[in-house]
Amino acid sequence: MGDGFFYSIPGDRSLIGKEEERGKQMRSDIVKKGATRSAHRTLFHAMGYSNEDLAKPMIGIVNSFNEIVPGHMHLREIAEAVKLGVAAAGGTPVEFPAIAICDGIAMGHMGMKYPLASRELICDSIEAMANAHAFDGLVLIPNCDKIVPGMLMAAGRLNIPAVVVSGGPMLAGRWKGKNISVSTMFEAAGKFEAGELSAEEMEQMEFHACPGCGSCAGLFTANTMNSLTEVLGMGLPGNGTIPAAYFGRRRMLAKKAGEVILDLVKRDIKPRDIMTLDAFKNAIAVDMAIGGSTNTVLHLPAIAHEAGLDLPLDLFDDISRRARYITKMSPGGTYHMQDLDEAGGISAIMKELTKLGLIHTDCLTVTGTIGERIEHAEIENHEVIHSVDNAYMNKGGIAILKGNLAPHGAVIKESAVDPDLLVYEGTAKCFDSEESAIKAITGGKIHEGDVVVIRYEGPKGGPGMREMLNPTAVITGMGLKVALLTDGRFSGASRGACIGHISPEAMEGGPIGLIHDGDRISIDIPQRKLELLVSDEELEKRRKEWKQPEPKVKTGYLSRYARLVTSANTGAVLK
């Protein structure tokens, strides 16, 4: 009847030919070509893929769309644009999903045990899908906190051509003539407790702080990681800063990503060719310059680990000492991501850092080198992006502290600390969970001169290393000048004297688990010191008396995660 033309290319019998006669041309050939793959092809045909489709590179489109994360609500449109780009460049796009948790909605309750642990699930699931179906390349579509590093980890592990295109940041909200965002609302709880904000005002703010889709508007973890994806070379220019609401620019970026992946497949350029040690050094330098989230100190080492590299904490501190803090973004300042985008974006930041010799311009990206990418970049607004000669600080925004309280290190966003708290000594008030700490803070039991210690919230102890945004935001909102220490972590929206990632964690017998109420704790951020002011003899006595508590979670994924996860100073990876 002549309808065979619909199913196959005239005269093309290559899909059925003997494998030894054809040779292997694409990774996906293993599931598409040869007589022994007849059953495979019929399964493809069941989904509407023709022989012509199967003759092209098969590109996995990993879409983390869902209807529970504001940063992901619009990712269907991003994926459709990517598919257009892939098809136009001569590939066959095949979409599959990835999970995504909203850290903001998970915050402050049992749910916050899951986001960091979900990073590994995302990575593992992409590995499973990509290898089971033999994709030739991947376009990864994340947007929020753990999804970006989870996808980059998968790219490093699989080491097949890949490009990342994110959904973009949310616009800042407006209320009474001022820009506000989700971090404003977390701090509003403290202002309400302090009697500085009425219930009516809080409700009004709730409807204005997050005006639409996108990752939360400040330089929190999601936007930090999306920006660093550019620096690592795995995303296109603008990936981290073009707002989600700028639909046209985002759509063009997504279509371009679809085109780029075919070029990467053709030239066989893989993530490990791009994510080199020098690329990670570039990312750390930019992270320090913009005052990014402390969570990058977890995520960059984890991505590097999957790429076969080691990123010790000392490297972060070394680069921080040589860097310059040149943007003051929310929560450390008043600017938001749309301001950074208009001021020249991440390319302008990198260009400025070349003056300090901190950017390796020969590093490869998904489109040429870093040097080629930033050649024509300029700072368009010197209020938003300062020059290195007019930096807010003549060092980076993140500091690594060590001492007898944190032998393996601790992390603080120095750029978000009030000057009078940079050197601080206070009295320990210890809590073995986030909930008990919040109850004490809101109950008026924390006073100036205290050091709030929240422990057994590390990767193993939490399990899942919960973010402590609720207690830090309430402390800030109440106007309390205190320090907070934890073996957990912080949201990128946290500000103040908040020291996290204390390693070893309490659950592993770390010194943070040996602190007693009333102990004196010394913090010296400029000197990178964190000390418990008790004698070595007393510490040793307490160590011998310490008994590991029962796990908080004994079943399910979190129980397995707790048994396998490593310390925060190694990126909290699974081994």
Protein backbone atom coordinates (compact mmCIF):
# COMPACT_ATOMS: atom_id res chain seq x y z
CA MET A 1 0.00 0.00 0.00
CA GLY A 2 3.01 2.30 0.10
CA ASP A 3 2.59 3.32 3.70
CA GLY A 4 6.03 2.03 4.66
CA PHE A 5 7.37 5.42 3.64
CA PHE A 6 5.70 6.80 6.76
CA TYR A 7 7.70 4.56 9.03
CA SER A 8 11.20 4.58 7.59
CA ILE A 9 13.57 6.51 5.37
CA PRO A 10 13.41 5.25 1.75
CA GLY A 11 16.26 2.93 1.01
CA ASP A 12 17.60 3.08 4.54
CA ARG A 13 18.00 -0.38 6.06
CA SER A 14 20.78 0.60 8.49
CA LEU A 15 18.69 0.10 11.58
CA ILE A 16 18.27 -3.59 10.81
CA GLY A 17 21.71 -4.30 9.36
CA LYS A 18 24.23 -6.46 11.12
CA GLU A 19 25.99 -4.59 13.85
CA GLU A 20 29.44 -5.71 12.78
CA GLU A 21 28.73 -4.29 9.31
CA ARG A 22 27.54 -0.87 10.56
CA GLY A 23 29.93 -0.03 13.31
CA LYS A 24 28.88 1.92 16.32
CA GLN A 25 28.35 5.64 15.71
CA MET A 26 26.28 6.85 18.66
CA ARG A 27 25.87 5.87 22.29
CA SER A 28 22.18 5.27 21.62
CA ASP A 29 22.90 2.76 18.83
CA ILE A 30 22.93 0.08 21.49
CA VAL A 31 19.17 0.42 21.90
CA LYS A 32 18.26 1.32 18.30
CA LYS A 33 20.24 -0.52 15.66
CA GLY A 34 20.78 -4.08 14.57
CA ALA A 35 18.61 -7.16 14.13
CA THR A 36 18.76 -7.93 17.84
CA ARG A 37 17.17 -4.57 18.59
CA SER A 38 13.97 -5.22 16.68
CA ALA A 39 11.95 -5.48 19.91
CA HIS A 40 13.52 -2.24 21.14
CA ARG A 41 12.51 -0.44 17.96
CA THR A 42 8.95 -1.64 18.17
CA LEU A 43 8.73 -0.17 21.66
CA PHE A 44 9.98 3.13 20.25
CA HIS A 45 7.44 2.91 17.44
CA ALA A 46 4.70 2.42 20.04
CA MET A 47 5.53 5.94 21.27
CA GLY A 48 5.54 7.45 17.77
CA TYR A 49 9.27 7.49 17.07
CA SER A 50 9.97 6.75 13.40
CA ASN A 51 13.14 5.22 11.98
CA GLU A 52 14.11 8.72 10.91
CA ASP A 53 13.82 9.84 14.56
CA LEU A 54 15.89 6.87 15.69
CA ALA A 55 18.63 7.61 13.17
CA LYS A 56 19.33 10.91 14.99
CA PRO A 57 21.14 11.48 18.30
CA MET A 58 18.73 10.79 21.15
CA ILE A 59 18.80 13.64 23.67
CA GLY A 60 17.35 13.22 27.13
CA ILE A 61 15.47 16.31 28.37
CA VAL A 62 15.51 16.07 32.16
CA ASN A 63 12.65 18.24 33.38
CA SER A 64 12.12 18.88 37.10
CA PHE A 65 8.69 20.47 36.55
CA ASN A 66 6.08 20.03 39.29
CA GLU A 67 3.22 21.96 40.86
CA ILE A 68 4.64 22.35 44.38
CA VAL A 69 7.77 24.44 43.71
CA PRO A 70 7.30 28.05 42.48
CA GLY A 71 10.65 27.85 40.73
CA HIS A 72 9.47 24.87 38.70
CA MET A 73 5.88 25.70 37.78
CA HIS A 74 6.92 27.08 34.39
CA LEU A 75 9.48 24.47 33.41
CA ARG A 76 7.17 22.81 30.89
CA GLU A 77 7.58 25.90 28.72
CA ILE A 78 11.36 25.76 29.14
CA ALA A 79 11.38 22.07 28.16
CA GLU A 80 9.24 22.72 25.06
CA ALA A 81 11.70 25.42 23.95
CA VAL A 82 14.63 23.05 24.52
CA LYS A 83 12.91 20.41 22.37
CA LEU A 84 12.50 22.90 19.55
CA GLY A 85 16.21 23.66 19.72
CA VAL A 86 17.17 19.97 19.75
CA ALA A 87 14.90 19.15 16.81
CA ALA A 88 16.11 22.13 14.79
CA ALA A 89 19.71 21.06 15.30
CA GLY A 90 19.03 17.52 14.12
CA GLY A 91 18.38 15.57 17.32
CA THR A 92 15.48 13.63 18.76
CA PRO A 93 14.38 15.06 22.13
CA VAL A 94 13.05 12.64 24.74
CA GLU A 95 11.72 14.13 27.96
CA PHE A 96 11.73 12.47 31.37
CA PRO A 97 11.18 13.89 34.88
CA ALA A 98 13.24 14.55 37.98
CA ILE A 99 11.92 15.24 41.47
CA ALA A 100 12.20 18.64 43.12
CA ILE A 101 11.51 19.77 46.70
CA CYS A 102 10.72 23.36 47.67
CA ASP A 103 13.06 24.19 50.54
CA GLY A 104 10.82 27.06 51.61
CA ILE A 105 7.74 24.88 52.02
CA ALA A 106 9.81 22.10 53.65
CA MET A 107 11.38 24.59 56.09
CA GLY A 108 10.90 24.41 59.84
CA HIS A 109 9.43 20.91 60.15
CA MET A 110 10.16 17.25 59.48
CA GLY A 111 10.11 17.93 55.75
CA MET A 112 13.42 19.80 55.88
CA LYS A 113 15.20 16.51 56.53
CA TYR A 114 14.61 15.60 52.88
CA PRO A 115 15.92 18.35 50.55
CA LEU A 116 19.67 17.68 50.90
CA ALA A 117 19.06 13.95 50.83
CA SER A 118 17.00 14.42 47.66
CA ARG A 119 20.12 15.73 45.89
CA GLU A 120 21.47 12.18 45.81
CA LEU A 121 18.13 10.78 44.66
CA ILE A 122 18.09 13.24 41.76
CA CYS A 123 21.61 12.30 40.74
CA ASP A 124 20.98 8.56 41.07
CA SER A 125 17.69 8.66 39.16
CA ILE A 126 19.23 10.56 36.23
CA GLU A 127 22.08 8.05 36.13
CA ALA A 128 19.53 5.21 36.04
CA MET A 129 17.46 6.76 33.26
CA ALA A 130 20.39 7.91 31.12
CA ASN A 131 22.22 4.58 31.26
CA ALA A 132 19.14 2.36 30.98
CA HIS A 133 18.06 4.15 27.79
CA ALA A 134 21.51 5.01 26.40
CA PHE A 135 20.96 8.70 25.71
CA ASP A 136 23.57 10.41 23.58
CA GLY A 137 23.36 13.64 25.53
CA LEU A 138 21.33 15.42 28.19
CA VAL A 139 19.75 18.83 28.61
CA LEU A 140 19.20 19.29 32.33
CA ILE A 141 16.39 21.64 33.44
CA PRO A 142 16.55 22.46 37.15
CA ASN A 143 15.94 25.68 39.05
CA CYS A 144 15.88 25.36 42.82
CA ASP A 145 18.19 24.54 45.66
CA LYS A 146 19.17 20.86 45.49
CA ILE A 147 18.02 20.18 41.97
CA VAL A 148 20.81 22.20 40.35
CA PRO A 149 23.68 20.41 42.15
CA GLY A 150 21.90 17.06 41.86
CA MET A 151 21.77 17.42 38.08
CA LEU A 152 25.34 18.67 37.85
CA MET A 153 26.46 15.70 39.96
CA ALA A 154 24.71 13.39 37.51
CA ALA A 155 26.46 15.12 34.61
CA GLY A 156 29.85 14.63 36.25
CA ARG A 157 29.13 10.99 37.10
CA LEU A 158 27.73 9.97 33.71
CA ASN A 159 30.24 12.05 31.73
CA ILE A 160 28.16 12.17 28.58
CA PRO A 161 27.58 15.49 26.75
CA ALA A 162 25.30 17.70 28.83
CA VAL A 163 24.16 21.30 29.16
CA VAL A 164 22.12 22.94 31.93
CA VAL A 165 19.37 25.49 31.37
CA SER A 166 17.58 26.71 34.47
CA GLY A 167 14.18 28.31 34.89
CA GLY A 168 15.46 31.66 36.15
CA PRO A 169 14.96 33.74 39.29
CA MET A 170 11.72 35.22 40.56
CA LEU A 171 11.25 38.98 40.43
CA ALA A 172 11.38 40.73 43.80
CA GLY A 173 8.00 41.58 45.29
CA ARG A 174 6.94 45.12 46.14
CA TRP A 175 5.28 46.32 49.34
CA LYS A 176 4.95 49.93 50.44
CA GLY A 177 7.48 51.05 47.87
CA LYS A 178 10.19 48.56 48.81
CA ASN A 179 11.49 45.34 47.28
CA ILE A 180 10.74 42.26 49.38
CA SER A 181 11.17 38.52 48.93
CA VAL A 182 10.59 35.23 50.73
CA SER A 183 13.42 36.00 53.18
CA THR A 184 11.46 39.09 54.25
CA MET A 185 8.59 36.83 55.25
CA PHE A 186 10.75 34.51 57.33
CA GLU A 187 12.08 37.53 59.21
CA ALA A 188 8.56 38.93 59.48
CA ALA A 189 7.79 36.14 61.95
CA GLY A 190 10.41 37.59 64.30
CA LYS A 191 9.07 41.11 63.86
CA PHE A 192 5.59 39.83 64.66
CA GLU A 193 6.86 38.13 67.83
CA ALA A 194 8.60 41.39 68.79
CA GLY A 195 5.37 43.37 68.26
CA GLU A 196 6.82 45.36 65.33
CA LEU A 197 4.43 43.93 62.75
CA SER A 198 0.70 43.35 62.95
CA ALA A 199 -1.10 40.23 61.71
CA GLU A 200 -2.82 42.35 59.03
CA GLU A 201 0.48 43.73 57.77
CA MET A 202 2.01 40.27 57.68
CA GLU A 203 -0.88 38.94 55.63
CA GLN A 204 -0.59 41.81 53.16
CA MET A 205 3.11 41.11 52.73
CA GLU A 206 2.42 37.43 52.13
CA PHE A 207 0.50 38.27 48.96
CA HIS A 208 3.24 40.52 47.60
CA ALA A 209 6.60 38.95 48.53
CA CYS A 210 6.62 36.29 45.78
CA PRO A 211 4.92 37.75 42.70
CA GLY A 212 5.29 34.79 40.35
CA CYS A 213 7.28 31.79 39.18
CA GLY A 214 11.03 31.44 39.48
CA SER A 215 13.65 30.64 42.09
CA CYS A 216 13.39 33.00 45.10
CA ALA A 217 14.53 36.50 44.15
CA GLY A 218 17.60 37.01 46.34
CA LEU A 219 21.05 35.47 46.13
CA PHE A 220 19.96 32.39 47.98
CA THR A 221 21.13 28.83 47.24
CA ALA A 222 19.18 28.30 44.01
CA ASN A 223 20.32 31.49 42.34
CA THR A 224 23.86 31.05 43.61
CA MET A 225 24.08 27.56 42.09
CA ASN A 226 22.42 28.63 38.84
CA SER A 227 24.96 31.45 38.58
CA LEU A 228 27.88 29.14 39.34
CA THR A 229 26.62 26.77 36.65
CA GLU A 230 27.57 29.52 34.20
CA VAL A 231 30.99 29.85 35.77
CA LEU A 232 31.60 26.10 35.72
CA GLY A 233 30.90 26.27 32.00
CA MET A 234 27.88 23.96 32.07
CA GLY A 235 25.29 26.66 31.41
CA LEU A 236 24.92 29.47 28.89
CA PRO A 237 25.52 33.14 29.74
CA GLY A 238 22.50 34.49 31.61
CA ASN A 239 21.54 31.09 33.01
CA GLY A 240 21.78 32.35 36.60
CA THR A 241 20.37 35.85 36.29
CA ILE A 242 17.76 36.23 33.50
CA PRO A 243 14.47 36.43 35.44
CA ALA A 244 11.86 33.74 34.86
CA ALA A 245 9.37 36.50 34.09
CA TYR A 246 11.48 37.62 31.12
CA PHE A 247 9.82 34.89 29.12
CA GLY A 248 11.27 35.76 25.73
CA ARG A 249 14.90 35.77 26.87
CA ARG A 250 14.42 32.56 28.86
CA ARG A 251 12.80 30.84 25.88
CA MET A 252 15.65 31.89 23.59
CA LEU A 253 18.16 30.61 26.13
CA ALA A 254 16.36 27.27 26.29
CA LYS A 255 16.23 26.88 22.49
CA LYS A 256 19.93 27.71 22.31
CA ALA A 257 20.66 25.02 24.94
CA GLY A 258 18.86 22.53 22.71
CA GLU A 259 21.08 23.49 19.79
CA VAL A 260 24.26 23.45 21.88
CA ILE A 261 23.79 19.88 23.09
CA LEU A 262 23.92 18.58 19.49
CA ASP A 263 27.20 20.42 18.95
CA LEU A 264 28.60 18.90 22.16
CA VAL A 265 27.53 15.41 21.04
CA LYS A 266 29.06 15.92 17.59
CA ARG A 267 32.36 17.12 19.09
CA ASP A 268 32.23 14.60 21.97
CA ILE A 269 32.78 17.29 24.62
CA LYS A 270 31.89 15.86 28.01
CA PRO A 271 31.25 17.39 31.45
CA ARG A 272 34.63 16.34 32.79
CA ASP A 273 36.27 18.21 29.91
CA ILE A 274 34.49 21.32 31.17
CA MET A 275 34.29 20.86 34.96
CA THR A 276 38.03 20.81 35.60
CA LEU A 277 39.75 21.83 38.82
CA ASP A 278 40.40 25.28 37.35
CA ALA A 279 36.69 25.59 36.51
CA PHE A 280 35.83 24.86 40.14
CA LYS A 281 38.37 27.44 41.26
CA ASN A 282 36.61 29.94 38.99
CA ALA A 283 33.29 29.03 40.59
CA ILE A 284 34.64 29.47 44.11
CA ALA A 285 36.12 32.87 43.20
CA VAL A 286 32.79 34.10 41.83
CA ASP A 287 30.97 32.63 44.82
CA MET A 288 33.20 34.68 47.10
CA ALA A 289 32.75 37.81 44.99
CA ILE A 290 28.96 37.71 45.05
CA GLY A 291 28.59 36.53 48.67
CA GLY A 292 26.74 33.40 47.65
CA SER A 293 24.97 30.86 49.80
CA THR A 294 27.01 28.81 52.28
CA ASN A 295 25.39 25.74 50.75
CA THR A 296 27.82 26.02 47.85
CA VAL A 297 30.46 24.70 50.23
CA LEU A 298 28.40 21.50 50.29
CA HIS A 299 27.42 21.38 46.64
CA LEU A 300 30.61 22.29 44.78
CA PRO A 301 32.64 19.54 46.55
CA ALA A 302 29.84 17.05 45.85
CA ILE A 303 29.79 17.95 42.13
CA ALA A 304 33.59 17.79 42.03
CA HIS A 305 33.50 14.38 43.71
CA GLU A 306 31.30 13.02 40.91
CA ALA A 307 33.67 14.54 38.38
CA GLY A 308 36.61 12.72 40.01
CA LEU A 309 38.05 15.77 41.78
CA ASP A 310 38.65 16.81 45.38
CA LEU A 311 37.70 20.27 46.72
CA PRO A 312 38.93 20.61 50.31
CA LEU A 313 37.57 23.36 52.55
CA ASP A 314 41.02 24.91 52.70
CA LEU A 315 40.75 25.70 48.98
CA PHE A 316 37.61 27.75 49.64
CA ASP A 317 39.35 29.72 52.36
CA ASP A 318 42.48 30.26 50.27
CA ILE A 319 40.49 31.71 47.40
CA SER A 320 38.31 33.73 49.78
CA ARG A 321 41.39 35.44 51.22
CA ARG A 322 42.44 36.53 47.70
CA ALA A 323 38.99 37.45 46.39
CA ARG A 324 36.93 40.63 46.71
CA TYR A 325 33.31 40.94 47.78
CA ILE A 326 31.86 43.18 45.06
CA THR A 327 28.07 42.71 45.14
CA LYS A 328 25.74 43.21 48.06
CA MET A 329 22.77 41.10 47.19
CA SER A 330 19.81 40.12 49.35
CA PRO A 331 19.93 38.82 52.08
CA GLY A 332 23.23 40.63 52.74
CA GLY A 333 22.04 43.74 50.88
CA THR A 334 19.07 45.24 49.07
CA TYR A 335 19.67 44.18 45.46
CA HIS A 336 17.98 41.19 43.83
CA MET A 337 18.74 38.99 40.84
CA GLN A 338 17.08 41.22 38.25
CA ASP A 339 19.42 44.02 39.39
CA LEU A 340 22.45 41.78 38.91
CA ASP A 341 21.22 40.75 35.47
CA GLU A 342 20.79 44.36 34.37
CA ALA A 343 24.21 45.28 35.78
CA GLY A 344 26.03 42.85 33.50
CA GLY A 345 25.39 39.51 35.15
CA ILE A 346 27.87 36.80 35.99
CA SER A 347 30.03 37.45 32.92
CA ALA A 348 30.71 40.98 34.20
CA ILE A 349 31.65 39.56 37.60
CA MET A 350 34.12 37.16 36.01
CA LYS A 351 35.57 39.90 33.83
CA GLU A 352 36.17 42.06 36.92
CA LEU A 353 37.83 39.19 38.80
CA THR A 354 40.36 38.72 36.00
CA LYS A 355 42.02 41.86 37.39
CA LEU A 356 42.94 39.78 40.46
CA GLY A 357 44.12 36.81 38.44
CA LEU A 358 41.35 34.66 39.93
CA ILE A 359 39.67 33.54 36.70
CA HIS A 360 41.18 30.86 34.49
CA THR A 361 40.07 32.19 31.12
CA ASP A 362 41.22 29.15 29.16
CA CYS A 363 38.59 26.93 30.81
CA LEU A 364 36.22 25.30 28.36
CA THR A 365 32.46 25.95 28.46
CA VAL A 366 29.56 24.45 26.52
CA THR A 367 30.16 27.32 24.06
CA GLY A 368 33.84 28.17 23.68
CA THR A 369 36.14 29.30 26.49
CA ILE A 370 35.54 31.52 29.50
CA GLY A 371 37.85 34.10 27.93
CA GLU A 372 35.74 34.20 24.76
CA ARG A 373 32.54 34.41 26.81
CA ILE A 374 33.61 37.41 28.89
CA GLU A 375 35.65 39.27 26.28
CA HIS A 376 33.00 41.93 25.73
CA ALA A 377 31.36 41.81 29.18
CA GLU A 378 31.05 45.09 31.06
CA ILE A 379 29.70 46.33 34.36
CA GLU A 380 26.57 48.30 33.45
CA ASN A 381 25.76 49.52 36.96
CA HIS A 382 28.59 50.19 39.37
CA GLU A 383 26.16 50.52 42.27
CA VAL A 384 25.17 46.87 41.90
CA ILE A 385 28.58 45.48 40.87
CA HIS A 386 31.52 47.28 42.39
CA SER A 387 35.01 47.22 40.95
CA VAL A 388 37.62 45.19 42.78
CA ASP A 389 39.25 48.51 43.71
CA ASN A 390 36.04 49.59 45.42
CA ALA A 391 35.01 46.30 47.01
CA TYR A 392 32.69 45.98 49.99
CA MET A 393 35.35 43.72 51.52
CA ASN A 394 38.90 42.98 50.38
CA LYS A 395 38.16 39.29 50.76
CA GLY A 396 35.40 36.87 49.84
CA GLY A 397 31.92 36.63 51.30
CA ILE A 398 32.35 33.16 52.85
CA ALA A 399 34.81 32.19 55.58
CA ILE A 400 35.96 28.77 56.80
CA LEU A 401 36.46 28.62 60.57
CA LYS A 402 38.45 26.02 62.50
CA GLY A 403 39.34 25.38 66.12
CA ASN A 404 38.71 22.86 68.88
CA LEU A 405 34.95 23.22 68.27
CA ALA A 406 35.27 22.54 64.54
CA PRO A 407 38.46 20.52 63.91
CA HIS A 408 37.35 19.72 60.33
CA GLY A 409 35.89 23.13 59.64
CA ALA A 410 32.76 25.26 59.79
CA VAL A 411 31.22 27.73 57.34
CA ILE A 412 29.88 31.26 57.71
CA LYS A 413 28.69 33.91 55.24
CA GLU A 414 30.93 36.69 56.55
CA SER A 415 29.38 39.21 54.19
CA ALA A 416 26.03 38.89 55.99
CA VAL A 417 27.41 39.42 59.53
CA ASP A 418 27.09 42.73 61.38
CA PRO A 419 30.52 44.23 62.09
CA ASP A 420 30.04 44.10 65.88
CA LEU A 421 29.53 40.32 65.72
CA LEU A 422 32.64 39.48 63.70
CA VAL A 423 34.50 38.93 66.96
CA TYR A 424 32.21 37.60 69.65
CA GLU A 425 32.33 35.65 72.89
CA GLY A 426 29.20 34.33 74.49
CA THR A 427 27.53 31.77 76.71
CA ALA A 428 26.31 28.50 75.22
CA LYS A 429 22.63 27.57 75.28
CA CYS A 430 22.33 24.11 73.81
CA PHE A 431 19.45 22.49 71.94
CA ASP A 432 19.33 19.04 70.40
CA SER A 433 16.83 19.99 67.68
CA GLU A 434 15.71 22.99 65.65
CA GLU A 435 12.22 22.86 67.17
CA SER A 436 13.45 23.20 70.76
CA ALA A 437 15.67 26.14 69.76
CA ILE A 438 12.82 28.01 68.06
CA LYS A 439 10.60 27.47 71.11
CA ALA A 440 13.29 29.00 73.33
CA ILE A 441 13.91 31.94 70.98
CA THR A 442 10.24 32.87 70.60
CA GLY A 443 9.69 32.19 74.31
CA GLY A 444 12.11 34.96 75.27
CA LYS A 445 14.76 32.62 76.71
CA ILE A 446 17.59 33.84 74.45
CA HIS A 447 19.35 37.11 75.29
CA GLU A 448 22.25 39.17 74.02
CA GLY A 449 25.50 37.55 75.05
CA ASP A 450 24.22 34.04 74.28
CA VAL A 451 25.43 31.58 71.69
CA VAL A 452 22.58 29.39 70.45
CA VAL A 453 23.89 25.87 69.76
CA ILE A 454 21.67 23.58 67.64
CA ARG A 455 23.15 20.11 67.28
CA TYR A 456 22.26 16.61 66.12
CA GLU A 457 21.04 18.24 62.92
CA GLY A 458 24.02 17.23 60.74
CA PRO A 459 23.93 14.90 57.70
CA LYS A 460 23.74 11.80 59.93
CA GLY A 461 22.14 13.29 63.02
CA GLY A 462 19.26 15.16 61.38
CA PRO A 463 19.30 13.13 59.31
CA GLY A 464 19.50 15.32 56.24
CA MET A 465 21.22 18.42 57.66
CA ARG A 466 18.21 20.72 57.97
CA GLU A 467 18.45 24.40 57.09
CA MET A 468 18.11 26.68 60.09
CA LEU A 469 16.39 29.58 58.34
CA ASN A 470 13.52 29.70 60.80
CA PRO A 471 15.67 30.29 63.92
CA THR A 472 18.07 32.68 62.14
CA ALA A 473 15.23 34.67 60.61
CA VAL A 474 13.35 34.91 63.92
CA ILE A 475 16.55 36.02 65.67
CA THR A 476 17.08 38.70 63.00
CA GLY A 477 13.45 39.77 63.06
CA MET A 478 13.48 40.10 66.85
CA GLY A 479 16.64 42.21 66.70
CA LEU A 480 18.64 39.83 68.89
CA LYS A 481 22.43 40.21 68.67
CA VAL A 482 23.48 36.65 69.27
CA ALA A 483 25.46 33.99 67.44
CA LEU A 484 24.06 30.67 66.29
CA LEU A 485 26.14 27.52 65.82
CA THR A 486 24.97 24.27 64.26
CA ASP A 487 26.13 21.06 62.62
CA GLY A 488 23.16 21.65 60.32
CA ARG A 489 23.19 24.21 57.58
CA PHE A 490 21.56 27.48 56.60
CA SER A 491 19.40 28.74 53.83
CA GLY A 492 21.02 31.14 51.43
CA ALA A 493 18.46 33.57 52.84
CA SER A 494 19.99 33.44 56.34
CA ARG A 495 22.00 36.40 57.63
CA GLY A 496 23.76 37.21 60.87
CA ALA A 497 26.43 35.44 62.92
CA CYS A 498 25.28 32.01 61.75
CA ILE A 499 27.99 29.34 61.73
CA GLY A 500 27.02 26.01 60.17
CA HIS A 501 28.43 22.75 58.77
CA ILE A 502 30.38 22.26 62.03
CA SER A 503 32.43 19.11 61.48
CA PRO A 504 32.64 16.49 62.83
CA GLU A 505 28.91 16.60 63.61
CA ALA A 506 27.46 15.76 67.01
CA MET A 507 26.13 12.36 65.87
CA GLU A 508 29.71 11.31 65.11
CA GLY A 509 30.95 12.45 68.51
CA GLY A 510 32.15 15.85 67.30
CA PRO A 511 32.98 18.55 69.88
CA ILE A 512 29.68 20.35 69.23
CA GLY A 513 28.01 17.41 70.98
CA LEU A 514 30.21 17.95 74.05
CA ILE A 515 29.17 21.56 74.77
CA HIS A 516 27.38 22.19 78.07
CA ASP A 517 24.98 25.01 78.85
CA GLY A 518 27.00 27.85 80.32
CA ASP A 519 30.23 27.07 78.45
CA ARG A 520 31.95 30.07 76.89
CA ILE A 521 32.45 30.08 73.14
CA SER A 522 34.82 32.37 71.25
CA ILE A 523 34.20 33.38 67.63
CA ASP A 524 36.80 35.30 65.65
CA ILE A 525 35.75 35.41 62.01
CA PRO A 526 38.62 37.59 60.70
CA GLN A 527 41.11 35.15 62.27
CA ARG A 528 39.01 32.13 61.17
CA LYS A 529 38.75 30.78 64.74
CA LEU A 530 35.95 28.92 66.52
CA GLU A 531 36.85 27.80 70.03
CA LEU A 532 35.10 26.16 72.96
CA LEU A 533 36.74 27.71 76.04
CA VAL A 534 37.19 24.58 78.11
CA SER A 535 40.39 22.70 78.80
CA ASP A 536 41.60 19.78 76.70
CA GLU A 537 41.32 17.61 79.81
CA GLU A 538 37.68 18.53 80.32
CA LEU A 539 36.91 17.91 76.64
CA GLU A 540 38.53 14.49 76.80
CA LYS A 541 36.53 13.66 79.93
CA ARG A 542 33.30 14.64 78.21
CA ARG A 543 34.26 12.67 75.11
CA LYS A 544 34.67 9.50 77.17
CA GLU A 545 31.28 10.08 78.84
CA TRP A 546 29.45 10.80 75.57
CA LYS A 547 27.08 8.17 74.22
CA GLN A 548 25.70 8.25 70.71
CA PRO A 549 21.94 8.83 70.84
CA GLU A 550 19.41 6.65 69.07
CA PRO A 551 18.81 7.65 65.42
CA LYS A 552 15.90 10.07 65.00
CA VAL A 553 14.70 8.14 61.93
CA LYS A 554 14.97 4.35 61.80
CA THR A 555 13.09 3.43 58.61
CA GLY A 556 12.84 4.46 54.99
CA TYR A 557 15.14 6.45 52.76
CA LEU A 558 16.41 8.79 55.48
CA SER A 559 17.56 5.82 57.55
CA ARG A 560 19.57 4.46 54.63
CA TYR A 561 20.86 7.95 53.87
CA ALA A 562 22.09 8.43 57.46
CA ARG A 563 24.10 5.21 57.29
CA LEU A 564 25.86 6.18 54.05
CA VAL A 565 26.29 9.96 54.17
CA THR A 566 29.67 11.54 54.90
CA SER A 567 30.51 14.67 56.85
CA ALA A 568 29.61 18.17 55.72
CA ASN A 569 33.28 19.04 55.17
CA THR A 570 33.38 16.46 52.36
CA GLY A 571 30.17 17.71 50.72
CA ALA A 572 27.83 15.27 52.51
CA VAL A 573 28.16 12.76 49.67
CA LEU A 574 27.18 9.12 49.93
CA LYS A 575 29.92 6.52 50.23
